[in-house]
């Protein structure tokens, strides 16, 4: 676990390279392990705090985005979140975000996924790394699909508005 201290970052900002944010216990505290396209970091913040700070960094509010997802797409539990529109950063939780074991996945970094067992899913990321997540295949499929629907609906509305008002 000495690696945590070597790669510990303060005030981590979600960015286009952020793939997965997962909880990890270290010295009786909950940290975050952050997988990026070409690197891995640790933060002394909990995954949900990183998500909230990511929303804030890009001019939003986690609660507002969560409620927006509920109003816009009808998802109230384990809601996917649009972190940032320009970079198309959408993240979804594997369980209730308030639970200590919740892992957040950036949907655009998921290349494929398959069932490993009734409680585990193997996820291949776009950089070809494979991670085993403690979530059923059905739950992962649902969460990934809900995120895709949210993104598609938002992009459709933007495209329709551009078309309607002649904005390129």
Protein backbone atom coordinates (compact mmCIF):
# COMPACT_ATOMS: atom_id res chain seq x y z
CA UNK A 1 0.00 0.00 0.00
CA UNK A 2 2.98 2.34 -0.07
CA UNK A 3 1.91 3.13 -3.65
CA UNK A 4 -0.97 5.19 -2.24
CA UNK A 5 1.41 7.71 -0.73
CA UNK A 6 3.47 7.91 -3.94
CA UNK A 7 0.43 8.61 -6.11
CA UNK A 8 -1.70 10.59 -3.64
CA UNK A 9 -3.20 13.70 -5.23
CA UNK A 10 -5.09 16.48 -3.52
CA UNK A 11 -8.14 18.06 -5.13
CA UNK A 12 -8.44 15.55 -7.97
CA UNK A 13 -10.43 16.93 -10.90
CA UNK A 14 -12.44 14.59 -13.10
CA UNK A 15 -11.24 15.00 -16.68
CA UNK A 16 -11.59 13.30 -20.08
CA UNK A 17 -9.02 10.66 -19.02
CA UNK A 18 -10.93 9.65 -15.87
CA UNK A 19 -12.20 6.09 -16.29
CA UNK A 20 -13.13 4.71 -12.87
CA UNK A 21 -13.31 6.08 -9.33
CA UNK A 22 -13.44 3.34 -6.72
CA UNK A 23 -13.27 3.27 -2.93
CA UNK A 24 -10.26 1.76 -1.23
CA UNK A 25 -9.61 1.45 2.49
CA UNK A 26 -6.21 2.54 3.74
CA UNK A 27 -5.19 2.93 7.40
CA UNK A 28 -8.85 2.72 8.47
CA UNK A 29 -9.87 5.58 6.15
CA UNK A 30 -11.80 5.53 2.89
CA UNK A 31 -9.75 6.81 -0.05
CA UNK A 32 -10.42 6.79 -3.77
CA UNK A 33 -8.48 4.88 -6.36
CA UNK A 34 -8.76 6.67 -9.67
CA UNK A 35 -8.02 4.91 -12.93
CA UNK A 36 -7.16 7.15 -15.84
CA UNK A 37 -6.35 6.21 -19.43
CA UNK A 38 -2.60 6.12 -18.83
CA UNK A 39 -2.19 6.33 -15.06
CA UNK A 40 -3.61 5.60 -11.63
CA UNK A 41 -3.98 7.96 -8.67
CA UNK A 42 -5.25 7.92 -5.11
CA UNK A 43 -7.13 10.65 -3.32
CA UNK A 44 -8.00 11.03 0.35
CA UNK A 45 -11.50 12.06 -0.78
CA UNK A 46 -14.35 9.57 -1.04
CA UNK A 47 -15.59 8.75 -4.55
CA UNK A 48 -18.85 10.68 -4.08
CA UNK A 49 -16.91 13.74 -2.93
CA UNK A 50 -14.82 13.59 -6.11
CA UNK A 51 -18.03 13.38 -8.16
CA UNK A 52 -19.51 16.36 -6.30
CA UNK A 53 -16.31 18.37 -6.71
CA UNK A 54 -16.20 17.46 -10.40
CA UNK A 55 -19.69 18.87 -10.89
CA UNK A 56 -18.68 22.01 -9.02
CA UNK A 57 -15.43 22.38 -10.98
CA UNK A 58 -17.38 22.52 -14.25
CA UNK A 59 -19.96 24.98 -12.93
CA UNK A 60 -22.62 22.60 -11.70
CA UNK A 61 -24.01 21.13 -8.53
CA UNK A 62 -24.27 17.40 -7.82
CA UNK A 63 -27.73 17.62 -6.26
CA UNK A 64 -28.95 19.78 -9.13
CA UNK A 65 -27.56 17.36 -11.71
CA UNK A 66 -29.04 14.39 -9.85
CA UNK A 67 -32.45 16.07 -9.74
CA UNK A 68 -32.05 17.09 -13.37
CA UNK A 69 -31.46 13.47 -14.33
CA UNK A 70 -34.56 12.49 -12.37
CA UNK A 71 -36.73 15.17 -14.01
CA UNK A 72 -35.28 14.72 -17.49
CA UNK A 73 -34.90 10.94 -17.74
CA UNK A 74 -36.92 9.65 -14.79
CA UNK A 75 -34.01 8.00 -12.98
CA UNK A 76 -34.14 8.67 -9.26
CA UNK A 77 -32.06 5.81 -7.83
CA UNK A 78 -28.42 5.27 -8.80
CA UNK A 79 -28.81 8.14 -11.24
CA UNK A 80 -26.14 8.68 -13.89
CA UNK A 81 -24.64 12.16 -13.82
CA UNK A 82 -23.49 14.45 -16.59
CA UNK A 83 -20.28 15.83 -15.09
CA UNK A 84 -19.32 17.99 -18.06
CA UNK A 85 -21.02 18.44 -21.45
CA UNK A 86 -18.15 19.74 -23.63
CA UNK A 87 -15.92 16.75 -22.86
CA UNK A 88 -18.95 14.42 -22.78
CA UNK A 89 -18.14 13.16 -19.29
CA UNK A 90 -21.02 11.05 -17.99
CA UNK A 91 -20.51 8.85 -14.95
CA UNK A 92 -22.71 6.24 -13.36
CA UNK A 93 -22.64 4.58 -9.92
CA UNK A 94 -22.60 0.82 -9.44
CA UNK A 95 -24.76 1.07 -6.32
CA UNK A 96 -26.34 3.82 -4.24
CA UNK A 97 -23.83 6.71 -4.27
CA UNK A 98 -24.15 7.06 -0.49
CA UNK A 99 -22.84 3.52 0.08
CA UNK A 100 -19.15 3.22 0.92
CA UNK A 101 -18.64 0.56 -1.77
CA UNK A 102 -20.00 2.64 -4.65
CA UNK A 103 -17.80 2.72 -7.74
CA UNK A 104 -18.24 5.39 -10.43
CA UNK A 105 -17.64 4.53 -14.09
CA UNK A 106 -17.13 6.97 -16.98
CA UNK A 107 -19.42 5.49 -19.62
CA UNK A 108 -17.36 6.64 -22.62
CA UNK A 109 -14.39 4.58 -21.42
CA UNK A 110 -16.34 1.29 -21.38
CA UNK A 111 -15.47 -0.80 -24.43
CA UNK A 112 -17.26 -3.98 -23.38
CA UNK A 113 -18.38 -5.94 -20.35
CA UNK A 114 -19.36 -9.49 -19.50
CA UNK A 115 -20.57 -11.56 -16.60
CA UNK A 116 -17.88 -13.14 -14.45
CA UNK A 117 -20.21 -14.49 -11.75
CA UNK A 118 -23.63 -13.66 -10.35
CA UNK A 119 -22.09 -10.80 -8.36
CA UNK A 120 -19.18 -9.72 -10.56
CA UNK A 121 -18.75 -8.11 -13.98
CA UNK A 122 -15.58 -7.92 -16.04
CA UNK A 123 -15.25 -4.55 -17.75
CA UNK A 124 -12.86 -3.89 -20.61
CA UNK A 125 -11.95 -0.24 -20.81
CA UNK A 126 -11.06 1.55 -24.07
CA UNK A 127 -7.35 1.39 -23.17
CA UNK A 128 -7.77 -2.44 -23.05
CA UNK A 129 -7.38 -2.68 -19.27
CA UNK A 130 -9.79 -5.15 -17.71
CA UNK A 131 -11.22 -4.63 -14.24
CA UNK A 132 -13.45 -6.89 -12.19
CA UNK A 133 -16.24 -4.99 -10.47
CA UNK A 134 -18.36 -6.31 -7.56
CA UNK A 135 -21.65 -5.66 -9.36
CA UNK A 136 -23.99 -8.03 -11.15
CA UNK A 137 -24.02 -8.05 -14.94
CA UNK A 138 -27.70 -7.06 -14.89
CA UNK A 139 -27.07 -4.00 -12.72
CA UNK A 140 -24.06 -2.95 -14.79
CA UNK A 141 -26.05 -3.37 -18.02
CA UNK A 142 -28.90 -1.29 -16.61
CA UNK A 143 -26.64 1.49 -15.35
CA UNK A 144 -24.68 1.63 -18.60
CA UNK A 145 -27.91 1.74 -20.59
CA UNK A 146 -29.46 4.46 -18.45
CA UNK A 147 -26.35 6.58 -18.92
CA UNK A 148 -26.50 6.08 -22.70
CA UNK A 149 -30.16 7.08 -22.75
CA UNK A 150 -29.52 10.20 -20.67
CA UNK A 151 -26.65 11.24 -22.95
CA UNK A 152 -28.67 10.52 -26.09
CA UNK A 153 -31.70 12.52 -24.89
CA UNK A 154 -29.56 15.52 -23.91
CA UNK A 155 -27.68 15.46 -27.22
CA UNK A 156 -30.96 15.11 -29.14
CA UNK A 157 -32.43 18.18 -27.43
CA UNK A 158 -29.31 20.20 -28.18
CA UNK A 159 -29.35 19.09 -31.85
CA UNK A 160 -33.06 19.90 -32.15
CA UNK A 161 -32.55 23.35 -30.66
CA UNK A 162 -29.65 24.01 -33.04
CA UNK A 163 -31.77 22.89 -36.01
CA UNK A 164 -34.79 24.90 -34.94
CA UNK A 165 -32.82 28.12 -34.56
CA UNK A 166 -30.38 27.59 -37.42
CA UNK A 167 -27.32 27.33 -35.18
CA UNK A 168 -24.46 25.28 -36.56
